[in-house]
Amino acid sequence: MVYLTRVEHFNAAHRLYNPDWSEEQNDAVFGKCANANWHGHNFELFVTIKGQPDPQTGFIFDAKKLGAIIRERIVDKVDHRNLNLDVTFMMGKLCSIENFVIAIWKELEPTLPPQVQLHCLKLIETPRIYVEYYGE
């Protein structure tokens, strides 16, 4: 099995806020991330697929095509947007990085060709915070 990773970058704002809680509880749990005026991140998204190399090309999948899929399905929808308000696949979800990476997986997985599988997503929110998701 061969693994190929494509990295894309985008900027987005969000707010960690549970509407079922009081302002005090939101502040206690989420701190500055509950700011009513939002906050933003410079995200790095690592998309890893797996498969066997094609005997004709040597590729498991064309990296340029993978980049185009990621940009069309994710980056174009989230870059310079408010994740809570502007991104349809995040509507009604608490906008944590954990929920965000799961939603990204659900957007990408059905668009990949049958010869490859989505293996892992790594989403870096800050230099000290990132998540990895394997579709489990």
N, C-alpha and C. Protein backbone atom coordinates (compact mmCIF):
# COMPACT_ATOMS: atom_id res chain seq x y z
N MET A 1 0.85 -1.18 0.00
CA MET A 1 0.00 0.00 0.00
C MET A 1 0.89 1.24 0.00
N VAL A 2 0.56 2.20 -0.86
CA VAL A 2 1.31 3.46 -0.93
C VAL A 2 0.40 4.58 -0.44
N TYR A 3 0.99 5.52 0.31
CA TYR A 3 0.25 6.65 0.87
C TYR A 3 0.75 7.93 0.22
N LEU A 4 -0.18 8.77 -0.21
CA LEU A 4 0.13 10.05 -0.83
C LEU A 4 -0.57 11.14 -0.04
N THR A 5 0.17 12.18 0.31
CA THR A 5 -0.40 13.30 1.07
C THR A 5 -0.31 14.58 0.26
N ARG A 6 -1.42 15.29 0.22
CA ARG A 6 -1.49 16.61 -0.40
C ARG A 6 -1.79 17.61 0.72
N VAL A 7 -1.11 18.75 0.71
CA VAL A 7 -1.30 19.77 1.74
C VAL A 7 -1.93 21.00 1.09
N GLU A 8 -2.96 21.52 1.73
CA GLU A 8 -3.61 22.75 1.30
C GLU A 8 -3.70 23.69 2.50
N HIS A 9 -3.78 24.97 2.20
CA HIS A 9 -3.83 26.02 3.23
C HIS A 9 -5.08 26.86 3.05
N PHE A 10 -5.67 27.29 4.16
CA PHE A 10 -6.78 28.24 4.10
C PHE A 10 -6.86 29.00 5.41
N ASN A 11 -7.57 30.11 5.37
CA ASN A 11 -7.81 30.94 6.56
C ASN A 11 -9.30 30.96 6.82
N ALA A 12 -9.68 30.87 8.08
CA ALA A 12 -11.11 30.89 8.40
C ALA A 12 -11.29 31.36 9.84
N ALA A 13 -12.47 31.92 10.09
CA ALA A 13 -12.85 32.36 11.44
C ALA A 13 -13.92 31.42 11.99
N HIS A 14 -13.99 31.36 13.30
CA HIS A 14 -15.05 30.60 13.95
C HIS A 14 -15.20 31.06 15.39
N ARG A 15 -16.17 30.47 16.02
CA ARG A 15 -16.43 30.74 17.44
C ARG A 15 -16.82 29.43 18.10
N LEU A 16 -16.20 29.13 19.22
CA LEU A 16 -16.62 27.98 20.01
C LEU A 16 -17.67 28.48 20.99
N TYR A 17 -18.87 27.97 20.81
CA TYR A 17 -20.00 28.48 21.59
C TYR A 17 -21.12 27.45 21.55
N ASN A 18 -21.61 27.09 22.71
CA ASN A 18 -22.74 26.18 22.79
C ASN A 18 -23.98 27.01 23.11
N PRO A 19 -24.94 27.12 22.19
CA PRO A 19 -26.10 27.98 22.41
C PRO A 19 -27.02 27.50 23.54
N ASP A 20 -26.82 26.27 23.98
CA ASP A 20 -27.63 25.75 25.09
C ASP A 20 -27.07 26.15 26.45
N TRP A 21 -25.91 26.76 26.46
CA TRP A 21 -25.27 27.17 27.70
C TRP A 21 -25.37 28.68 27.91
N SER A 22 -25.16 29.08 29.15
CA SER A 22 -25.10 30.51 29.48
C SER A 22 -23.79 31.09 28.97
N GLU A 23 -23.73 32.42 28.91
CA GLU A 23 -22.48 33.09 28.53
C GLU A 23 -21.36 32.70 29.50
N GLU A 24 -21.70 32.61 30.78
CA GLU A 24 -20.69 32.29 31.79
C GLU A 24 -20.12 30.89 31.57
N GLN A 25 -20.99 29.93 31.27
CA GLN A 25 -20.52 28.56 31.04
C GLN A 25 -19.68 28.48 29.77
N ASN A 26 -20.11 29.16 28.71
CA ASN A 26 -19.32 29.20 27.48
C ASN A 26 -17.94 29.81 27.74
N ASP A 27 -17.91 30.91 28.47
CA ASP A 27 -16.64 31.54 28.80
C ASP A 27 -15.75 30.62 29.64
N ALA A 28 -16.35 29.91 30.59
CA ALA A 28 -15.58 29.01 31.45
C ALA A 28 -14.98 27.85 30.65
N VAL A 29 -15.73 27.32 29.70
CA VAL A 29 -15.26 26.15 28.94
C VAL A 29 -14.37 26.56 27.77
N PHE A 30 -14.78 27.57 27.02
CA PHE A 30 -14.09 27.91 25.77
C PHE A 30 -13.17 29.13 25.86
N GLY A 31 -13.28 29.91 26.94
CA GLY A 31 -12.39 31.05 27.12
C GLY A 31 -12.47 32.04 25.97
N LYS A 32 -11.31 32.51 25.51
CA LYS A 32 -11.25 33.50 24.43
C LYS A 32 -11.89 32.99 23.14
N CYS A 33 -11.95 31.68 22.97
CA CYS A 33 -12.52 31.11 21.74
C CYS A 33 -14.03 31.29 21.67
N ALA A 34 -14.66 31.72 22.78
CA ALA A 34 -16.10 31.99 22.79
C ALA A 34 -16.40 33.45 22.48
N ASN A 35 -15.39 34.22 22.13
CA ASN A 35 -15.54 35.64 21.85
C ASN A 35 -16.65 35.88 20.82
N ALA A 36 -17.59 36.73 21.17
CA ALA A 36 -18.72 37.02 20.27
C ALA A 36 -18.28 37.65 18.95
N ASN A 37 -17.08 38.20 18.91
CA ASN A 37 -16.56 38.81 17.69
C ASN A 37 -15.70 37.86 16.86
N TRP A 38 -15.72 36.57 17.20
CA TRP A 38 -15.04 35.52 16.43
C TRP A 38 -13.52 35.59 16.60
N HIS A 39 -12.85 34.61 16.07
CA HIS A 39 -11.39 34.59 15.97
C HIS A 39 -11.01 33.72 14.79
N GLY A 40 -9.80 33.88 14.28
CA GLY A 40 -9.43 33.18 13.07
C GLY A 40 -8.16 32.37 13.21
N HIS A 41 -7.96 31.49 12.22
CA HIS A 41 -6.79 30.63 12.17
C HIS A 41 -6.29 30.53 10.74
N ASN A 42 -5.00 30.24 10.63
CA ASN A 42 -4.37 29.89 9.36
C ASN A 42 -4.24 28.36 9.37
N PHE A 43 -5.17 27.69 8.74
CA PHE A 43 -5.24 26.22 8.78
C PHE A 43 -4.33 25.60 7.73
N GLU A 44 -3.77 24.44 8.07
CA GLU A 44 -3.06 23.58 7.14
C GLU A 44 -3.81 22.24 7.15
N LEU A 45 -4.22 21.79 5.97
CA LEU A 45 -4.96 20.55 5.83
C LEU A 45 -4.10 19.55 5.07
N PHE A 46 -3.79 18.43 5.71
CA PHE A 46 -3.04 17.34 5.10
C PHE A 46 -4.05 16.24 4.77
N VAL A 47 -4.16 15.91 3.49
CA VAL A 47 -5.08 14.87 3.04
C VAL A 47 -4.24 13.71 2.54
N THR A 48 -4.36 12.55 3.22
CA THR A 48 -3.59 11.37 2.84
C THR A 48 -4.53 10.32 2.28
N ILE A 49 -4.20 9.86 1.07
CA ILE A 49 -4.94 8.78 0.43
C ILE A 49 -4.02 7.57 0.32
N LYS A 50 -4.63 6.40 0.08
CA LYS A 50 -3.81 5.19 -0.07
C LYS A 50 -4.33 4.36 -1.23
N GLY A 51 -3.41 3.63 -1.83
CA GLY A 51 -3.76 2.77 -2.95
C GLY A 51 -2.51 2.13 -3.53
N GLN A 52 -2.68 1.48 -4.67
CA GLN A 52 -1.57 0.85 -5.37
C GLN A 52 -1.23 1.68 -6.61
N PRO A 53 0.04 1.81 -6.92
CA PRO A 53 0.42 2.57 -8.12
C PRO A 53 -0.14 1.96 -9.40
N ASP A 54 -0.61 2.83 -10.26
CA ASP A 54 -1.09 2.41 -11.58
C ASP A 54 0.12 2.02 -12.43
N PRO A 55 0.09 0.87 -13.10
CA PRO A 55 1.24 0.47 -13.91
C PRO A 55 1.53 1.42 -15.08
N GLN A 56 0.53 2.15 -15.53
CA GLN A 56 0.71 3.06 -16.66
C GLN A 56 1.35 4.40 -16.26
N THR A 57 1.03 4.87 -15.04
CA THR A 57 1.52 6.20 -14.61
C THR A 57 2.49 6.15 -13.45
N GLY A 58 2.42 5.08 -12.67
CA GLY A 58 3.20 5.01 -11.43
C GLY A 58 2.54 5.74 -10.28
N PHE A 59 1.41 6.40 -10.52
CA PHE A 59 0.67 7.15 -9.49
C PHE A 59 -0.38 6.26 -8.84
N ILE A 60 -0.64 6.51 -7.54
CA ILE A 60 -1.88 5.95 -6.99
C ILE A 60 -3.05 6.83 -7.39
N PHE A 61 -2.75 8.13 -7.54
CA PHE A 61 -3.72 9.11 -8.04
C PHE A 61 -2.94 10.37 -8.35
N ASP A 62 -3.34 11.08 -9.36
CA ASP A 62 -2.66 12.30 -9.77
C ASP A 62 -2.77 13.35 -8.66
N ALA A 63 -1.63 13.79 -8.12
CA ALA A 63 -1.62 14.76 -7.02
C ALA A 63 -2.27 16.08 -7.41
N LYS A 64 -2.14 16.48 -8.68
CA LYS A 64 -2.80 17.72 -9.13
C LYS A 64 -4.31 17.57 -9.08
N LYS A 65 -4.81 16.42 -9.49
CA LYS A 65 -6.26 16.18 -9.42
C LYS A 65 -6.73 16.12 -7.98
N LEU A 66 -5.93 15.52 -7.10
CA LEU A 66 -6.30 15.49 -5.69
C LEU A 66 -6.38 16.91 -5.14
N GLY A 67 -5.39 17.74 -5.49
CA GLY A 67 -5.42 19.14 -5.06
C GLY A 67 -6.65 19.87 -5.56
N ALA A 68 -7.04 19.61 -6.80
CA ALA A 68 -8.23 20.25 -7.37
C ALA A 68 -9.49 19.82 -6.61
N ILE A 69 -9.58 18.55 -6.27
CA ILE A 69 -10.74 18.06 -5.50
C ILE A 69 -10.79 18.73 -4.14
N ILE A 70 -9.66 18.80 -3.45
CA ILE A 70 -9.62 19.42 -2.11
C ILE A 70 -10.01 20.89 -2.20
N ARG A 71 -9.49 21.58 -3.20
CA ARG A 71 -9.83 23.01 -3.33
C ARG A 71 -11.31 23.19 -3.64
N GLU A 72 -11.85 22.38 -4.54
CA GLU A 72 -13.26 22.52 -4.92
C GLU A 72 -14.20 22.15 -3.77
N ARG A 73 -13.93 21.05 -3.10
CA ARG A 73 -14.84 20.53 -2.08
C ARG A 73 -14.67 21.20 -0.72
N ILE A 74 -13.45 21.70 -0.43
CA ILE A 74 -13.17 22.25 0.91
C ILE A 74 -12.69 23.69 0.85
N VAL A 75 -11.51 23.92 0.30
CA VAL A 75 -10.86 25.23 0.40
C VAL A 75 -11.73 26.35 -0.16
N ASP A 76 -12.31 26.15 -1.33
CA ASP A 76 -13.14 27.20 -1.92
C ASP A 76 -14.37 27.52 -1.06
N LYS A 77 -14.79 26.57 -0.25
CA LYS A 77 -15.98 26.77 0.60
C LYS A 77 -15.65 27.39 1.96
N VAL A 78 -14.39 27.23 2.41
CA VAL A 78 -14.06 27.68 3.77
C VAL A 78 -13.06 28.83 3.83
N ASP A 79 -12.28 29.04 2.78
CA ASP A 79 -11.22 30.04 2.83
C ASP A 79 -11.80 31.45 2.97
N HIS A 80 -11.30 32.17 3.97
CA HIS A 80 -11.75 33.53 4.30
C HIS A 80 -13.26 33.57 4.56
N ARG A 81 -13.75 32.55 5.23
CA ARG A 81 -15.16 32.46 5.60
C ARG A 81 -15.27 32.30 7.12
N ASN A 82 -16.49 32.49 7.59
CA ASN A 82 -16.83 32.21 8.97
C ASN A 82 -17.41 30.80 8.99
N LEU A 83 -16.72 29.88 9.65
CA LEU A 83 -17.14 28.48 9.64
C LEU A 83 -18.52 28.29 10.26
N ASN A 84 -18.86 29.08 11.26
CA ASN A 84 -20.16 28.97 11.92
C ASN A 84 -21.31 29.45 11.05
N LEU A 85 -21.06 30.49 10.24
CA LEU A 85 -22.15 31.16 9.53
C LEU A 85 -22.18 30.90 8.02
N ASP A 86 -21.02 30.68 7.41
CA ASP A 86 -20.93 30.65 5.95
C ASP A 86 -20.77 29.27 5.33
N VAL A 87 -20.42 28.27 6.11
CA VAL A 87 -20.05 26.97 5.56
C VAL A 87 -21.19 25.98 5.79
N THR A 88 -21.84 25.59 4.70
CA THR A 88 -23.04 24.75 4.82
C THR A 88 -22.77 23.43 5.52
N PHE A 89 -21.61 22.82 5.27
CA PHE A 89 -21.37 21.51 5.91
C PHE A 89 -21.01 21.62 7.39
N MET A 90 -20.92 22.84 7.93
CA MET A 90 -20.71 23.04 9.37
C MET A 90 -21.96 23.57 10.08
N MET A 91 -23.02 23.85 9.33
CA MET A 91 -24.24 24.39 9.93
C MET A 91 -24.81 23.42 10.98
N GLY A 92 -25.16 23.99 12.13
CA GLY A 92 -25.77 23.19 13.19
C GLY A 92 -24.79 22.37 14.00
N LYS A 93 -23.50 22.53 13.75
CA LYS A 93 -22.48 21.78 14.50
C LYS A 93 -21.69 22.74 15.39
N LEU A 94 -21.28 22.28 16.55
CA LEU A 94 -20.34 23.04 17.36
C LEU A 94 -19.03 23.08 16.59
N CYS A 95 -18.48 24.24 16.40
CA CYS A 95 -17.40 24.45 15.44
C CYS A 95 -16.01 24.20 16.04
N SER A 96 -15.83 23.06 16.66
CA SER A 96 -14.51 22.66 17.16
C SER A 96 -13.68 22.11 16.00
N ILE A 97 -12.38 22.06 16.19
CA ILE A 97 -11.51 21.49 15.17
C ILE A 97 -11.83 20.01 14.97
N GLU A 98 -12.25 19.34 16.04
CA GLU A 98 -12.60 17.92 15.94
C GLU A 98 -13.82 17.72 15.04
N ASN A 99 -14.86 18.51 15.25
CA ASN A 99 -16.05 18.40 14.40
C ASN A 99 -15.75 18.86 12.97
N PHE A 100 -14.89 19.83 12.84
CA PHE A 100 -14.53 20.35 11.52
C PHE A 100 -13.82 19.28 10.68
N VAL A 101 -12.87 18.57 11.28
CA VAL A 101 -12.14 17.56 10.51
C VAL A 101 -13.05 16.41 10.10
N ILE A 102 -14.01 16.03 10.95
CA ILE A 102 -14.97 14.98 10.60
C ILE A 102 -15.84 15.45 9.43
N ALA A 103 -16.28 16.70 9.46
CA ALA A 103 -17.10 17.23 8.38
C ALA A 103 -16.31 17.30 7.07
N ILE A 104 -15.04 17.64 7.14
CA ILE A 104 -14.20 17.67 5.95
C ILE A 104 -14.10 16.26 5.36
N TRP A 105 -13.89 15.27 6.20
CA TRP A 105 -13.83 13.87 5.74
C TRP A 105 -15.10 13.51 4.97
N LYS A 106 -16.24 13.84 5.55
CA LYS A 106 -17.52 13.50 4.92
C LYS A 106 -17.71 14.21 3.57
N GLU A 107 -17.10 15.37 3.41
CA GLU A 107 -17.16 16.09 2.13
C GLU A 107 -16.22 15.48 1.09
N LEU A 108 -15.07 15.02 1.53
CA LEU A 108 -14.06 14.53 0.59
C LEU A 108 -14.25 13.07 0.18
N GLU A 109 -14.56 12.23 1.15
CA GLU A 109 -14.54 10.78 0.90
C GLU A 109 -15.36 10.35 -0.32
N PRO A 110 -16.60 10.83 -0.49
CA PRO A 110 -17.38 10.35 -1.64
C PRO A 110 -16.87 10.82 -3.00
N THR A 111 -15.96 11.79 -3.02
CA THR A 111 -15.50 12.35 -4.29
C THR A 111 -14.27 11.65 -4.84
N LEU A 112 -13.67 10.76 -4.07
CA LEU A 112 -12.46 10.09 -4.52
C LEU A 112 -12.79 8.92 -5.43
N PRO A 113 -11.92 8.65 -6.40
CA PRO A 113 -12.17 7.53 -7.31
C PRO A 113 -12.02 6.19 -6.57
N PRO A 114 -12.60 5.13 -7.12
CA PRO A 114 -12.60 3.84 -6.40
C PRO A 114 -11.22 3.21 -6.20
N GLN A 115 -10.22 3.60 -6.97
CA GLN A 115 -8.91 2.97 -6.83
C GLN A 115 -8.12 3.47 -5.62
N VAL A 116 -8.61 4.52 -4.95
CA VAL A 116 -7.93 5.03 -3.75
C VAL A 116 -8.92 5.15 -2.61
N GLN A 117 -8.36 5.16 -1.41
CA GLN A 117 -9.17 5.36 -0.21
C GLN A 117 -8.61 6.54 0.57
N LEU A 118 -9.50 7.27 1.20
CA LEU A 118 -9.06 8.32 2.11
C LEU A 118 -8.51 7.63 3.35
N HIS A 119 -7.26 7.93 3.70
CA HIS A 119 -6.61 7.27 4.82
C HIS A 119 -6.63 8.12 6.09
N CYS A 120 -6.24 9.39 5.94
CA CYS A 120 -6.10 10.25 7.12
C CYS A 120 -6.23 11.71 6.73
N LEU A 121 -6.82 12.48 7.62
CA LEU A 121 -6.79 13.94 7.53
C LEU A 121 -6.05 14.45 8.75
N LYS A 122 -5.16 15.39 8.53
CA LYS A 122 -4.50 16.10 9.63
C LYS A 122 -4.83 17.56 9.41
N LEU A 123 -5.41 18.18 10.41
CA LEU A 123 -5.80 19.58 10.33
C LEU A 123 -5.07 20.34 11.43
N ILE A 124 -4.20 21.26 11.01
CA ILE A 124 -3.44 22.08 11.95
C ILE A 124 -4.16 23.40 12.12
N GLU A 125 -4.52 23.71 13.36
CA GLU A 125 -5.22 24.95 13.69
C GLU A 125 -4.24 26.03 14.15
N THR A 126 -3.28 25.64 14.97
CA THR A 126 -2.23 26.53 15.46
C THR A 126 -0.93 25.73 15.47
N PRO A 127 0.20 26.38 15.68
CA PRO A 127 1.45 25.60 15.76
C PRO A 127 1.45 24.57 16.89
N ARG A 128 0.55 24.71 17.85
CA ARG A 128 0.51 23.79 18.99
C ARG A 128 -0.74 22.91 19.03
N ILE A 129 -1.67 23.09 18.10
CA ILE A 129 -2.91 22.31 18.14
C ILE A 129 -3.22 21.77 16.75
N TYR A 130 -3.38 20.47 16.68
CA TYR A 130 -3.85 19.84 15.45
C TYR A 130 -4.60 18.56 15.79
N VAL A 131 -5.39 18.09 14.84
CA VAL A 131 -6.10 16.84 14.99
C VAL A 131 -5.78 15.94 13.81
N GLU A 132 -5.90 14.65 14.03
CA GLU A 132 -5.80 13.66 12.97
C GLU A 132 -7.08 12.82 13.01
N TYR A 133 -7.58 12.47 11.85
CA TYR A 133 -8.81 11.70 11.77
C TYR A 133 -8.66 10.62 10.71
N TYR A 134 -9.06 9.40 11.07
CA TYR A 134 -8.92 8.25 10.19
C TYR A 134 -10.28 7.67 9.77
N GLY A 135 -11.33 8.45 9.94
CA GLY A 135 -12.63 8.00 9.49
C GLY A 135 -13.29 6.99 10.39
N GLU A 136 -12.90 6.94 11.62
CA GLU A 136 -13.44 5.95 12.56
C GLU A 136 -14.57 6.52 13.36
